[in-house]
N, C-alpha and C. Protein backbone atom coordinates (compact mmCIF):
# COMPACT_ATOMS: atom_id res chain seq x y z
N MET A 1 -16.54 -17.00 20.34
CA MET A 1 -16.57 -15.88 19.40
C MET A 1 -17.77 -16.03 18.47
N PRO A 2 -18.57 -14.99 18.26
CA PRO A 2 -19.71 -15.09 17.34
C PRO A 2 -19.27 -15.50 15.95
N LEU A 3 -20.09 -16.30 15.28
CA LEU A 3 -19.73 -16.80 13.96
C LEU A 3 -19.50 -15.67 12.97
N ALA A 4 -20.31 -14.61 13.02
CA ALA A 4 -20.17 -13.49 12.08
C ALA A 4 -18.81 -12.83 12.23
N LEU A 5 -18.35 -12.67 13.47
CA LEU A 5 -17.05 -12.05 13.69
C LEU A 5 -15.94 -12.98 13.25
N LEU A 6 -16.09 -14.29 13.51
CA LEU A 6 -15.08 -15.24 13.08
C LEU A 6 -14.92 -15.22 11.57
N LEU A 7 -16.03 -15.17 10.85
CA LEU A 7 -15.95 -15.11 9.39
C LEU A 7 -15.30 -13.83 8.93
N LEU A 8 -15.58 -12.73 9.61
CA LEU A 8 -15.00 -11.45 9.25
C LEU A 8 -13.49 -11.46 9.41
N LEU A 9 -13.02 -12.14 10.45
CA LEU A 9 -11.58 -12.16 10.73
C LEU A 9 -10.83 -13.09 9.79
N THR A 10 -11.50 -14.10 9.26
CA THR A 10 -10.80 -15.11 8.47
C THR A 10 -11.09 -15.02 6.98
N ALA A 11 -12.05 -14.22 6.57
CA ALA A 11 -12.42 -14.17 5.15
C ALA A 11 -11.26 -13.63 4.32
N PRO A 12 -10.83 -14.35 3.26
CA PRO A 12 -9.72 -13.89 2.42
C PRO A 12 -10.21 -12.88 1.40
N ILE A 13 -10.21 -11.60 1.73
CA ILE A 13 -10.86 -10.62 0.87
C ILE A 13 -10.16 -10.45 -0.46
N THR A 14 -8.87 -10.82 -0.54
CA THR A 14 -8.19 -10.65 -1.81
C THR A 14 -8.68 -11.64 -2.85
N ALA A 15 -9.52 -12.59 -2.47
CA ALA A 15 -10.04 -13.54 -3.44
C ALA A 15 -11.18 -12.94 -4.26
N ILE A 16 -11.73 -11.81 -3.85
CA ILE A 16 -12.86 -11.21 -4.55
C ILE A 16 -12.61 -9.72 -4.73
N ARG A 17 -13.53 -9.07 -5.42
CA ARG A 17 -13.44 -7.64 -5.64
C ARG A 17 -14.31 -6.89 -4.64
N LEU A 18 -13.95 -5.65 -4.41
CA LEU A 18 -14.89 -4.75 -3.75
C LEU A 18 -15.97 -4.43 -4.78
N ASP A 19 -17.21 -4.73 -4.44
CA ASP A 19 -18.28 -4.67 -5.43
C ASP A 19 -18.67 -3.26 -5.83
N ALA A 20 -18.77 -2.37 -4.85
CA ALA A 20 -19.31 -1.04 -5.10
C ALA A 20 -18.21 -0.06 -5.48
N ALA A 21 -18.51 0.79 -6.45
CA ALA A 21 -17.55 1.84 -6.83
C ALA A 21 -17.22 2.73 -5.64
N ARG A 22 -18.20 2.96 -4.77
CA ARG A 22 -17.97 3.77 -3.58
C ARG A 22 -16.91 3.14 -2.69
N ASP A 23 -16.98 1.82 -2.52
CA ASP A 23 -16.00 1.12 -1.69
C ASP A 23 -14.62 1.14 -2.35
N GLN A 24 -14.58 0.97 -3.64
CA GLN A 24 -13.29 1.01 -4.34
C GLN A 24 -12.63 2.37 -4.16
N GLN A 25 -13.43 3.44 -4.28
CA GLN A 25 -12.89 4.78 -4.10
C GLN A 25 -12.46 5.01 -2.65
N ALA A 26 -13.27 4.51 -1.70
CA ALA A 26 -12.90 4.66 -0.29
C ALA A 26 -11.59 3.95 0.00
N PHE A 27 -11.40 2.76 -0.57
CA PHE A 27 -10.14 2.04 -0.37
C PHE A 27 -8.97 2.84 -0.93
N ARG A 28 -9.13 3.37 -2.15
CA ARG A 28 -8.03 4.14 -2.74
C ARG A 28 -7.70 5.36 -1.88
N HIS A 29 -8.73 6.07 -1.39
CA HIS A 29 -8.50 7.23 -0.54
C HIS A 29 -7.68 6.85 0.69
N TRP A 30 -8.14 5.83 1.41
CA TRP A 30 -7.48 5.46 2.65
C TRP A 30 -6.10 4.86 2.42
N PHE A 31 -5.97 4.00 1.42
CA PHE A 31 -4.68 3.35 1.17
C PHE A 31 -3.60 4.39 0.85
N THR A 32 -3.91 5.32 -0.04
CA THR A 32 -2.91 6.32 -0.41
C THR A 32 -2.66 7.31 0.72
N PHE A 33 -3.72 7.73 1.39
CA PHE A 33 -3.54 8.68 2.50
C PHE A 33 -2.70 8.07 3.62
N LEU A 34 -2.99 6.84 3.99
CA LEU A 34 -2.26 6.22 5.10
C LEU A 34 -0.78 6.07 4.77
N ALA A 35 -0.47 5.70 3.54
CA ALA A 35 0.94 5.58 3.16
C ALA A 35 1.63 6.94 3.18
N GLU A 36 0.97 7.95 2.63
CA GLU A 36 1.57 9.29 2.60
C GLU A 36 1.68 9.87 4.00
N ALA A 37 0.69 9.63 4.84
CA ALA A 37 0.72 10.17 6.21
C ALA A 37 1.92 9.65 6.98
N GLN A 38 2.35 8.41 6.70
CA GLN A 38 3.51 7.88 7.41
C GLN A 38 4.80 8.58 6.97
N PHE A 39 4.82 9.13 5.77
CA PHE A 39 5.97 9.94 5.35
C PHE A 39 6.08 11.17 6.23
N PHE A 40 4.96 11.79 6.58
CA PHE A 40 4.97 12.99 7.41
C PHE A 40 5.05 12.67 8.90
N ASN A 41 4.77 11.44 9.27
CA ASN A 41 4.81 11.04 10.67
C ASN A 41 6.26 10.95 11.15
N SER A 42 6.48 11.20 12.42
CA SER A 42 7.82 11.05 12.97
C SER A 42 8.15 9.57 13.10
N PRO A 43 9.41 9.18 12.91
CA PRO A 43 9.77 7.76 13.03
C PRO A 43 9.35 7.15 14.37
N ALA A 44 9.40 7.94 15.43
CA ALA A 44 9.04 7.42 16.74
C ALA A 44 7.56 7.06 16.84
N ASN A 45 6.73 7.70 16.04
CA ASN A 45 5.28 7.44 16.07
C ASN A 45 4.81 6.44 15.04
N ARG A 46 5.70 6.02 14.16
CA ARG A 46 5.30 5.07 13.13
C ARG A 46 5.16 3.67 13.72
N PRO A 47 4.25 2.86 13.16
CA PRO A 47 4.16 1.47 13.59
C PRO A 47 5.50 0.76 13.40
N ALA A 48 5.90 -0.03 14.38
CA ALA A 48 7.18 -0.71 14.34
C ALA A 48 7.28 -1.69 13.17
N GLU A 49 6.13 -2.13 12.66
CA GLU A 49 6.12 -3.11 11.56
C GLU A 49 6.65 -2.53 10.26
N ILE A 50 6.65 -1.21 10.10
CA ILE A 50 7.02 -0.60 8.81
C ILE A 50 8.54 -0.52 8.73
N ILE A 51 9.14 -1.54 8.15
CA ILE A 51 10.60 -1.62 8.08
C ILE A 51 11.12 -1.69 6.64
N ASP A 52 10.22 -1.86 5.66
CA ASP A 52 10.65 -1.91 4.27
C ASP A 52 9.46 -1.59 3.37
N CYS A 53 9.66 -1.71 2.06
CA CYS A 53 8.62 -1.28 1.11
C CYS A 53 7.36 -2.11 1.23
N SER A 54 7.49 -3.42 1.33
CA SER A 54 6.29 -4.26 1.41
C SER A 54 5.58 -4.09 2.74
N ALA A 55 6.32 -3.81 3.81
CA ALA A 55 5.68 -3.59 5.11
C ALA A 55 4.82 -2.33 5.10
N LEU A 56 5.30 -1.28 4.44
CA LEU A 56 4.49 -0.06 4.31
C LEU A 56 3.21 -0.35 3.53
N ILE A 57 3.32 -1.15 2.47
CA ILE A 57 2.15 -1.49 1.67
C ILE A 57 1.17 -2.33 2.48
N ARG A 58 1.67 -3.33 3.20
CA ARG A 58 0.79 -4.18 3.99
C ARG A 58 0.06 -3.36 5.06
N TYR A 59 0.79 -2.45 5.72
CA TYR A 59 0.18 -1.61 6.74
C TYR A 59 -0.96 -0.79 6.14
N ALA A 60 -0.69 -0.09 5.03
CA ALA A 60 -1.70 0.80 4.44
C ALA A 60 -2.88 0.01 3.90
N TYR A 61 -2.64 -1.16 3.35
CA TYR A 61 -3.72 -2.00 2.82
C TYR A 61 -4.63 -2.47 3.95
N ARG A 62 -4.03 -3.01 4.99
CA ARG A 62 -4.82 -3.54 6.11
C ARG A 62 -5.62 -2.44 6.80
N GLU A 63 -4.96 -1.30 7.08
CA GLU A 63 -5.64 -0.23 7.80
C GLU A 63 -6.67 0.49 6.93
N ALA A 64 -6.52 0.41 5.62
CA ALA A 64 -7.53 0.99 4.72
C ALA A 64 -8.85 0.26 4.82
N LEU A 65 -8.83 -0.99 5.29
CA LEU A 65 -10.04 -1.80 5.38
C LEU A 65 -10.64 -1.82 6.78
N ARG A 66 -10.13 -0.96 7.66
CA ARG A 66 -10.70 -0.86 9.00
C ARG A 66 -11.95 0.02 8.99
N ASN A 67 -12.68 -0.02 10.10
CA ASN A 67 -13.72 0.96 10.35
C ASN A 67 -13.05 2.16 11.00
N HIS A 68 -13.01 3.28 10.31
CA HIS A 68 -12.23 4.43 10.77
C HIS A 68 -13.06 5.32 11.69
N ASP A 69 -13.40 4.75 12.83
CA ASP A 69 -14.19 5.46 13.82
C ASP A 69 -13.27 6.23 14.77
N PRO A 70 -13.82 7.00 15.70
CA PRO A 70 -12.95 7.78 16.61
C PRO A 70 -11.97 6.92 17.39
N GLN A 71 -12.36 5.70 17.75
CA GLN A 71 -11.44 4.82 18.47
C GLN A 71 -10.25 4.45 17.61
N TRP A 72 -10.52 4.15 16.33
CA TRP A 72 -9.40 3.86 15.42
C TRP A 72 -8.50 5.08 15.28
N ALA A 73 -9.10 6.25 15.07
CA ALA A 73 -8.32 7.47 14.88
C ALA A 73 -7.44 7.76 16.09
N ALA A 74 -7.97 7.50 17.29
CA ALA A 74 -7.21 7.78 18.51
C ALA A 74 -6.01 6.85 18.65
N SER A 75 -6.13 5.66 18.10
CA SER A 75 -5.05 4.67 18.27
C SER A 75 -4.10 4.62 17.08
N ALA A 76 -4.41 5.34 16.00
CA ALA A 76 -3.63 5.20 14.77
C ALA A 76 -2.28 5.90 14.84
N GLY A 77 -2.14 6.91 15.70
CA GLY A 77 -0.86 7.60 15.82
C GLY A 77 -0.48 8.42 14.62
N LEU A 78 -1.47 8.93 13.89
CA LEU A 78 -1.19 9.69 12.67
C LEU A 78 -1.10 11.18 12.97
N PRO A 79 -0.35 11.93 12.16
CA PRO A 79 -0.27 13.37 12.38
C PRO A 79 -1.57 14.10 12.04
N LEU A 80 -2.42 13.48 11.22
CA LEU A 80 -3.74 14.00 10.92
C LEU A 80 -4.59 12.86 10.40
N VAL A 81 -5.91 13.01 10.50
CA VAL A 81 -6.85 12.02 9.96
C VAL A 81 -7.89 12.77 9.15
N LEU A 82 -8.14 12.31 7.94
CA LEU A 82 -9.09 12.97 7.05
C LEU A 82 -10.44 12.25 7.09
N PRO A 83 -11.53 12.96 6.82
CA PRO A 83 -12.87 12.39 7.00
C PRO A 83 -13.37 11.61 5.79
N PHE A 84 -12.58 10.64 5.32
CA PHE A 84 -13.06 9.78 4.25
C PHE A 84 -14.07 8.78 4.79
N GLU A 85 -15.00 8.35 3.95
CA GLU A 85 -15.87 7.25 4.31
C GLU A 85 -15.06 5.96 4.36
N SER A 86 -15.45 5.05 5.23
CA SER A 86 -14.79 3.75 5.31
C SER A 86 -15.36 2.80 4.28
N VAL A 87 -14.59 1.77 3.93
CA VAL A 87 -15.10 0.70 3.08
C VAL A 87 -16.23 0.00 3.81
N ALA A 88 -17.37 -0.13 3.17
CA ALA A 88 -18.54 -0.72 3.82
C ALA A 88 -18.55 -2.24 3.72
N GLN A 89 -17.98 -2.78 2.64
CA GLN A 89 -18.06 -4.22 2.41
C GLN A 89 -17.27 -5.02 3.43
N TYR A 90 -16.13 -4.48 3.88
CA TYR A 90 -15.29 -5.14 4.86
C TYR A 90 -14.80 -4.12 5.87
N ASN A 91 -15.05 -4.35 7.13
CA ASN A 91 -14.49 -3.54 8.21
C ASN A 91 -13.86 -4.50 9.20
N TYR A 92 -12.55 -4.63 9.14
CA TYR A 92 -11.88 -5.57 10.01
C TYR A 92 -11.60 -4.95 11.37
N PRO A 93 -12.07 -5.58 12.45
CA PRO A 93 -11.79 -5.05 13.79
C PRO A 93 -10.33 -5.27 14.15
N ARG A 94 -9.86 -4.51 15.12
CA ARG A 94 -8.50 -4.69 15.60
C ARG A 94 -8.42 -5.96 16.45
N THR A 95 -7.43 -6.78 16.17
CA THR A 95 -7.19 -7.99 16.93
C THR A 95 -5.70 -8.07 17.22
N PRO A 96 -5.28 -8.91 18.17
CA PRO A 96 -3.84 -9.00 18.47
C PRO A 96 -3.00 -9.43 17.28
N THR A 97 -3.56 -10.24 16.38
CA THR A 97 -2.76 -10.75 15.27
C THR A 97 -3.16 -10.16 13.93
N GLY A 98 -4.37 -9.68 13.78
CA GLY A 98 -4.81 -9.11 12.51
C GLY A 98 -5.35 -10.17 11.58
N PRO A 99 -6.09 -9.77 10.54
CA PRO A 99 -6.69 -10.71 9.59
C PRO A 99 -5.65 -11.22 8.59
N ASN A 100 -5.95 -12.37 8.01
CA ASN A 100 -5.12 -12.94 6.94
C ASN A 100 -5.60 -12.39 5.61
N LEU A 101 -4.87 -11.42 5.07
CA LEU A 101 -5.35 -10.67 3.90
C LEU A 101 -4.62 -11.01 2.61
N TYR A 102 -3.44 -11.64 2.67
CA TYR A 102 -2.57 -11.68 1.50
C TYR A 102 -2.44 -13.10 0.96
N ALA A 103 -2.78 -13.25 -0.31
CA ALA A 103 -2.67 -14.54 -0.96
C ALA A 103 -1.21 -14.92 -1.15
N ASN A 104 -0.91 -16.21 -0.98
CA ASN A 104 0.44 -16.72 -1.15
C ASN A 104 0.48 -17.79 -2.24
N SER A 105 1.66 -18.27 -2.56
CA SER A 105 1.83 -19.23 -3.65
C SER A 105 1.14 -20.56 -3.39
N ASP A 106 0.91 -20.90 -2.12
CA ASP A 106 0.28 -22.17 -1.80
C ASP A 106 -1.25 -22.08 -1.78
N GLY A 107 -1.79 -20.92 -2.16
CA GLY A 107 -3.23 -20.75 -2.19
C GLY A 107 -3.84 -20.35 -0.87
N ARG A 108 -3.03 -20.23 0.15
CA ARG A 108 -3.51 -19.81 1.46
C ARG A 108 -3.38 -18.29 1.60
N PHE A 109 -3.99 -17.77 2.66
CA PHE A 109 -3.91 -16.35 2.95
C PHE A 109 -3.22 -16.17 4.30
N SER A 110 -2.38 -15.15 4.38
CA SER A 110 -1.63 -14.93 5.61
C SER A 110 -1.53 -13.45 5.89
N GLN A 111 -0.89 -13.12 7.01
CA GLN A 111 -0.69 -11.73 7.40
C GLN A 111 0.55 -11.13 6.75
N PHE A 112 1.35 -11.95 6.10
CA PHE A 112 2.62 -11.48 5.53
C PHE A 112 2.68 -11.77 4.04
N ALA A 113 3.27 -10.84 3.31
CA ALA A 113 3.59 -11.04 1.90
C ALA A 113 4.72 -10.10 1.54
N ASP A 114 5.77 -10.64 0.93
CA ASP A 114 6.85 -9.77 0.48
C ASP A 114 6.48 -9.14 -0.85
N ALA A 115 7.38 -8.33 -1.40
CA ALA A 115 7.06 -7.59 -2.62
C ALA A 115 6.72 -8.54 -3.78
N ARG A 116 7.47 -9.61 -3.92
CA ARG A 116 7.22 -10.56 -5.01
C ARG A 116 5.83 -11.20 -4.86
N THR A 117 5.48 -11.58 -3.64
CA THR A 117 4.18 -12.21 -3.40
C THR A 117 3.05 -11.24 -3.62
N LEU A 118 3.23 -9.99 -3.22
CA LEU A 118 2.21 -8.98 -3.48
C LEU A 118 1.98 -8.83 -4.98
N ARG A 119 3.06 -8.82 -5.74
CA ARG A 119 2.92 -8.64 -7.19
C ARG A 119 2.29 -9.86 -7.86
N GLU A 120 2.74 -11.06 -7.51
CA GLU A 120 2.34 -12.25 -8.24
C GLU A 120 0.95 -12.76 -7.86
N PHE A 121 0.54 -12.56 -6.61
CA PHE A 121 -0.67 -13.21 -6.14
C PHE A 121 -1.75 -12.26 -5.60
N ASN A 122 -1.41 -10.97 -5.48
CA ASN A 122 -2.37 -10.04 -4.89
C ASN A 122 -2.70 -8.86 -5.79
N THR A 123 -2.01 -8.74 -6.90
CA THR A 123 -2.24 -7.64 -7.83
C THR A 123 -2.24 -8.19 -9.25
N ARG A 124 -2.66 -7.36 -10.19
CA ARG A 124 -2.66 -7.73 -11.60
C ARG A 124 -1.93 -6.65 -12.41
N PHE A 125 -1.33 -7.06 -13.49
CA PHE A 125 -0.54 -6.17 -14.32
C PHE A 125 -1.44 -5.20 -15.07
N VAL A 126 -1.05 -3.91 -15.06
CA VAL A 126 -1.79 -2.87 -15.77
C VAL A 126 -1.02 -2.42 -17.01
N GLY A 127 0.28 -2.19 -16.88
CA GLY A 127 1.08 -1.74 -17.99
C GLY A 127 2.44 -1.27 -17.53
N ARG A 128 3.29 -0.88 -18.47
CA ARG A 128 4.63 -0.42 -18.13
C ARG A 128 4.81 1.07 -18.42
N ASN A 129 3.67 1.77 -18.49
CA ASN A 129 3.69 3.21 -18.67
C ASN A 129 3.10 3.85 -17.43
N LEU A 130 3.80 4.78 -16.82
CA LEU A 130 3.33 5.40 -15.60
C LEU A 130 2.00 6.11 -15.78
N GLN A 131 1.69 6.54 -16.99
CA GLN A 131 0.43 7.24 -17.24
C GLN A 131 -0.79 6.34 -17.04
N SER A 132 -0.58 5.03 -17.00
CA SER A 132 -1.70 4.11 -16.77
C SER A 132 -2.02 3.94 -15.29
N ALA A 133 -1.21 4.52 -14.40
CA ALA A 133 -1.40 4.33 -12.96
C ALA A 133 -2.54 5.17 -12.42
N GLN A 134 -3.31 4.60 -11.50
CA GLN A 134 -4.32 5.30 -10.74
C GLN A 134 -3.90 5.31 -9.27
N PRO A 135 -4.40 6.28 -8.49
CA PRO A 135 -4.03 6.32 -7.07
C PRO A 135 -4.31 4.98 -6.39
N GLY A 136 -3.31 4.49 -5.67
CA GLY A 136 -3.42 3.21 -5.01
C GLY A 136 -2.77 2.07 -5.76
N ASP A 137 -2.38 2.29 -7.02
CA ASP A 137 -1.66 1.27 -7.77
C ASP A 137 -0.23 1.16 -7.25
N LEU A 138 0.44 0.06 -7.60
CA LEU A 138 1.80 -0.20 -7.15
C LEU A 138 2.74 -0.25 -8.33
N LEU A 139 3.95 0.27 -8.13
CA LEU A 139 5.02 0.15 -9.11
C LEU A 139 6.02 -0.87 -8.58
N PHE A 140 6.35 -1.84 -9.41
CA PHE A 140 7.30 -2.88 -8.99
C PHE A 140 8.57 -2.80 -9.82
N TYR A 141 9.69 -3.08 -9.14
CA TYR A 141 11.01 -3.07 -9.76
C TYR A 141 11.74 -4.36 -9.42
N ARG A 142 12.57 -4.80 -10.34
CA ARG A 142 13.49 -5.89 -10.10
C ARG A 142 14.84 -5.28 -9.72
N ASN A 143 15.34 -5.63 -8.55
CA ASN A 143 16.60 -5.08 -8.07
C ASN A 143 17.49 -6.24 -7.65
N THR A 144 18.40 -6.64 -8.55
CA THR A 144 19.25 -7.83 -8.39
C THR A 144 18.36 -9.04 -8.09
N ALA A 145 18.52 -9.66 -6.91
CA ALA A 145 17.77 -10.89 -6.60
C ALA A 145 16.42 -10.61 -5.95
N SER A 146 16.12 -9.36 -5.64
CA SER A 146 14.90 -9.03 -4.92
C SER A 146 13.99 -8.15 -5.78
N GLN A 147 12.85 -7.80 -5.22
CA GLN A 147 11.94 -6.87 -5.87
C GLN A 147 11.64 -5.72 -4.93
N HIS A 148 11.37 -4.56 -5.51
CA HIS A 148 11.06 -3.37 -4.73
C HIS A 148 9.74 -2.81 -5.24
N SER A 149 9.02 -2.13 -4.35
CA SER A 149 7.70 -1.61 -4.73
C SER A 149 7.50 -0.20 -4.20
N MET A 150 6.71 0.56 -4.94
CA MET A 150 6.33 1.91 -4.58
C MET A 150 4.81 2.04 -4.70
N ILE A 151 4.25 2.95 -3.93
CA ILE A 151 2.81 3.22 -3.98
C ILE A 151 2.59 4.49 -4.79
N TYR A 152 1.77 4.39 -5.83
CA TYR A 152 1.44 5.58 -6.60
C TYR A 152 0.34 6.33 -5.85
N ILE A 153 0.65 7.53 -5.39
CA ILE A 153 -0.29 8.35 -4.62
C ILE A 153 -1.14 9.22 -5.53
N GLY A 154 -0.53 9.72 -6.59
CA GLY A 154 -1.20 10.76 -7.37
C GLY A 154 -1.09 12.08 -6.64
N ARG A 155 -2.14 12.84 -6.61
CA ARG A 155 -2.11 14.14 -5.93
C ARG A 155 -2.13 13.95 -4.42
N SER A 156 -1.35 14.78 -3.75
CA SER A 156 -1.20 14.66 -2.30
C SER A 156 -2.45 15.12 -1.57
N TYR A 157 -2.79 14.41 -0.48
CA TYR A 157 -3.84 14.86 0.43
C TYR A 157 -3.30 15.80 1.49
N VAL A 158 -1.98 15.95 1.53
CA VAL A 158 -1.35 16.70 2.62
C VAL A 158 -0.78 18.03 2.13
N SER A 159 -0.01 18.02 1.06
CA SER A 159 0.68 19.24 0.64
C SER A 159 -0.13 20.10 -0.32
N HIS A 160 -1.19 19.55 -0.92
CA HIS A 160 -2.13 20.34 -1.74
C HIS A 160 -1.43 21.12 -2.84
N ASP A 161 -0.53 20.46 -3.55
CA ASP A 161 0.09 21.07 -4.72
C ASP A 161 -0.38 20.32 -5.96
N ASN A 162 0.23 20.62 -7.09
CA ASN A 162 -0.21 20.02 -8.35
C ASN A 162 0.65 18.84 -8.78
N ALA A 163 1.58 18.43 -7.93
CA ALA A 163 2.49 17.34 -8.29
C ALA A 163 1.78 15.99 -8.13
N LEU A 164 2.32 14.99 -8.81
CA LEU A 164 1.89 13.60 -8.66
C LEU A 164 3.02 12.84 -7.96
N TYR A 165 2.67 12.05 -6.94
CA TYR A 165 3.70 11.48 -6.07
C TYR A 165 3.65 9.96 -6.02
N VAL A 166 4.80 9.40 -5.67
CA VAL A 166 4.89 8.03 -5.18
C VAL A 166 5.47 8.09 -3.77
N VAL A 167 5.14 7.08 -2.97
CA VAL A 167 5.67 6.94 -1.62
C VAL A 167 6.22 5.53 -1.48
N TYR A 168 7.36 5.40 -0.79
CA TYR A 168 7.95 4.07 -0.60
C TYR A 168 8.91 4.09 0.58
N HIS A 169 9.21 2.91 1.07
CA HIS A 169 10.23 2.75 2.10
C HIS A 169 11.46 2.16 1.44
N THR A 170 12.62 2.72 1.74
CA THR A 170 13.85 2.27 1.09
C THR A 170 14.30 0.90 1.58
N GLY A 171 13.87 0.51 2.79
CA GLY A 171 14.32 -0.75 3.36
C GLY A 171 15.67 -0.61 4.03
N PRO A 172 16.01 -1.55 4.90
CA PRO A 172 17.28 -1.47 5.63
C PRO A 172 18.47 -1.82 4.74
N GLU A 173 19.60 -1.24 5.08
CA GLU A 173 20.86 -1.56 4.41
C GLU A 173 21.97 -1.48 5.44
N GLY A 174 22.51 -2.62 5.80
CA GLY A 174 23.50 -2.66 6.87
C GLY A 174 22.88 -2.21 8.18
N ASN A 175 23.53 -1.24 8.82
CA ASN A 175 23.00 -0.69 10.08
C ASN A 175 22.01 0.45 9.87
N ASP A 176 21.80 0.83 8.62
CA ASP A 176 20.85 1.89 8.30
C ASP A 176 19.46 1.29 8.18
N PRO A 177 18.48 1.71 9.01
CA PRO A 177 17.14 1.12 8.93
C PRO A 177 16.34 1.54 7.72
N GLY A 178 16.84 2.51 6.95
CA GLY A 178 16.10 3.01 5.81
C GLY A 178 15.09 4.07 6.22
N GLU A 179 14.36 4.58 5.24
CA GLU A 179 13.42 5.67 5.50
C GLU A 179 12.29 5.66 4.50
N ILE A 180 11.21 6.34 4.86
CA ILE A 180 10.10 6.52 3.93
C ILE A 180 10.37 7.77 3.10
N ARG A 181 10.22 7.66 1.81
CA ARG A 181 10.45 8.78 0.91
C ARG A 181 9.21 9.03 0.07
N ARG A 182 9.04 10.29 -0.30
CA ARG A 182 7.98 10.69 -1.21
C ARG A 182 8.64 11.43 -2.36
N ARG A 183 8.39 10.99 -3.58
CA ARG A 183 9.01 11.62 -4.75
C ARG A 183 7.94 12.08 -5.73
N ASP A 184 8.18 13.24 -6.28
CA ASP A 184 7.42 13.73 -7.43
C ASP A 184 7.72 12.79 -8.60
N THR A 185 6.70 12.36 -9.33
CA THR A 185 6.93 11.43 -10.43
C THR A 185 7.81 12.03 -11.53
N ARG A 186 7.80 13.35 -11.66
CA ARG A 186 8.70 13.99 -12.63
C ARG A 186 10.14 13.76 -12.24
N GLU A 187 10.40 13.79 -10.95
CA GLU A 187 11.74 13.51 -10.46
C GLU A 187 12.09 12.04 -10.67
N LEU A 188 11.12 11.17 -10.44
CA LEU A 188 11.37 9.73 -10.59
C LEU A 188 11.67 9.39 -12.05
N LEU A 189 10.97 10.02 -12.97
CA LEU A 189 11.17 9.73 -14.39
C LEU A 189 12.55 10.14 -14.88
N THR A 190 13.19 11.04 -14.15
CA THR A 190 14.55 11.48 -14.52
C THR A 190 15.54 11.13 -13.42
N HIS A 191 15.25 10.07 -12.68
CA HIS A 191 16.12 9.66 -11.57
C HIS A 191 17.56 9.47 -12.07
N PRO A 192 18.56 9.92 -11.30
CA PRO A 192 19.95 9.78 -11.75
C PRO A 192 20.38 8.32 -11.93
N ASP A 193 19.73 7.41 -11.21
CA ASP A 193 20.01 5.98 -11.40
C ASP A 193 18.92 5.42 -12.32
N PRO A 194 19.24 5.08 -13.56
CA PRO A 194 18.22 4.68 -14.54
C PRO A 194 17.37 3.49 -14.11
N GLN A 195 17.86 2.65 -13.19
CA GLN A 195 17.09 1.47 -12.82
C GLN A 195 15.78 1.81 -12.09
N TRP A 196 15.66 3.06 -11.60
CA TRP A 196 14.46 3.46 -10.87
C TRP A 196 13.50 4.28 -11.71
N ARG A 197 13.78 4.44 -12.98
CA ARG A 197 12.87 5.19 -13.83
C ARG A 197 11.71 4.30 -14.30
N PRO A 198 10.46 4.70 -14.05
CA PRO A 198 9.31 3.87 -14.43
C PRO A 198 8.94 4.06 -15.90
N ILE A 199 9.81 3.57 -16.78
CA ILE A 199 9.60 3.73 -18.21
C ILE A 199 9.75 2.36 -18.88
N PRO A 200 9.08 2.15 -20.02
CA PRO A 200 9.10 0.83 -20.67
C PRO A 200 10.49 0.36 -21.04
N SER A 201 11.41 1.27 -21.35
CA SER A 201 12.74 0.87 -21.78
C SER A 201 13.64 0.43 -20.62
N ASN A 202 13.18 0.59 -19.40
CA ASN A 202 13.97 0.19 -18.23
C ASN A 202 13.69 -1.28 -17.90
N PRO A 203 14.65 -2.18 -18.09
CA PRO A 203 14.38 -3.60 -17.83
C PRO A 203 14.15 -3.91 -16.36
N ASN A 204 14.54 -3.01 -15.46
CA ASN A 204 14.32 -3.22 -14.03
C ASN A 204 12.91 -2.85 -13.59
N PHE A 205 12.21 -2.08 -14.40
CA PHE A 205 10.84 -1.67 -14.08
C PHE A 205 9.88 -2.75 -14.55
N LEU A 206 9.22 -3.42 -13.60
CA LEU A 206 8.32 -4.51 -13.94
C LEU A 206 6.95 -4.02 -14.35
N GLY A 207 6.59 -2.79 -13.95
CA GLY A 207 5.33 -2.23 -14.41
C GLY A 207 4.43 -1.73 -13.30
N VAL A 208 3.26 -1.26 -13.72
CA VAL A 208 2.20 -0.79 -12.83
C VAL A 208 1.26 -1.94 -12.56
N TYR A 209 0.91 -2.14 -11.30
CA TYR A 209 0.02 -3.24 -10.90
C TYR A 209 -1.12 -2.69 -10.06
N ARG A 210 -2.27 -3.35 -10.16
CA ARG A 210 -3.49 -2.91 -9.45
C ARG A 210 -3.97 -4.04 -8.54
N TRP A 211 -4.43 -3.68 -7.37
CA TRP A 211 -4.91 -4.67 -6.40
C TRP A 211 -6.02 -5.53 -6.99
N ASN A 212 -6.01 -6.80 -6.67
CA ASN A 212 -7.05 -7.71 -7.16
C ASN A 212 -8.43 -7.36 -6.65
N ILE A 213 -8.53 -6.69 -5.51
CA ILE A 213 -9.86 -6.36 -4.98
C ILE A 213 -10.49 -5.18 -5.72
N LEU A 214 -9.74 -4.50 -6.58
CA LEU A 214 -10.26 -3.34 -7.30
C LEU A 214 -10.66 -3.71 -8.73
């Protein structure tokens, strides 16, 4: 394998920032679009890896850093593909196993990270007010012994309305595999179950977090 390709496959990109504002914007476009597109995708066409909230985040993060050429578009299985520019600093090719993108507690990088690991080692705290969120930021919640996460989309690339959205996977519960949901943030702020309201007075809401590469 050529050395340049080997370095590309193994480089832990979460250890540094995307340098150019253009790349940061391209990442936000792709990350939010890919997550929202899976909400509109049929379950049969979704990647099998998307089984819970962190899996949806890992999928959108990894695929946001691909080179989005016609070959990628043909294999992505999406209901639509938008003509965003790709991130120039990192373009990870498709491989059987994928790159090691996520920092873990032991200082290593791997292909897997649960919600807690994403929050503690791959993102940084922004605040506990939803108004501080930018597209591509993550909302984290404490739910009993586990943590849950949502992707702040902002304005939709698909429905073209004036609402601000979050997208998340509910995760499995018993024999129910769960589902991907998209909620208007106005609805989330008045959620009938107070533990899901992204407000400072909610002790279950851990806050808004931003990727370390941004």
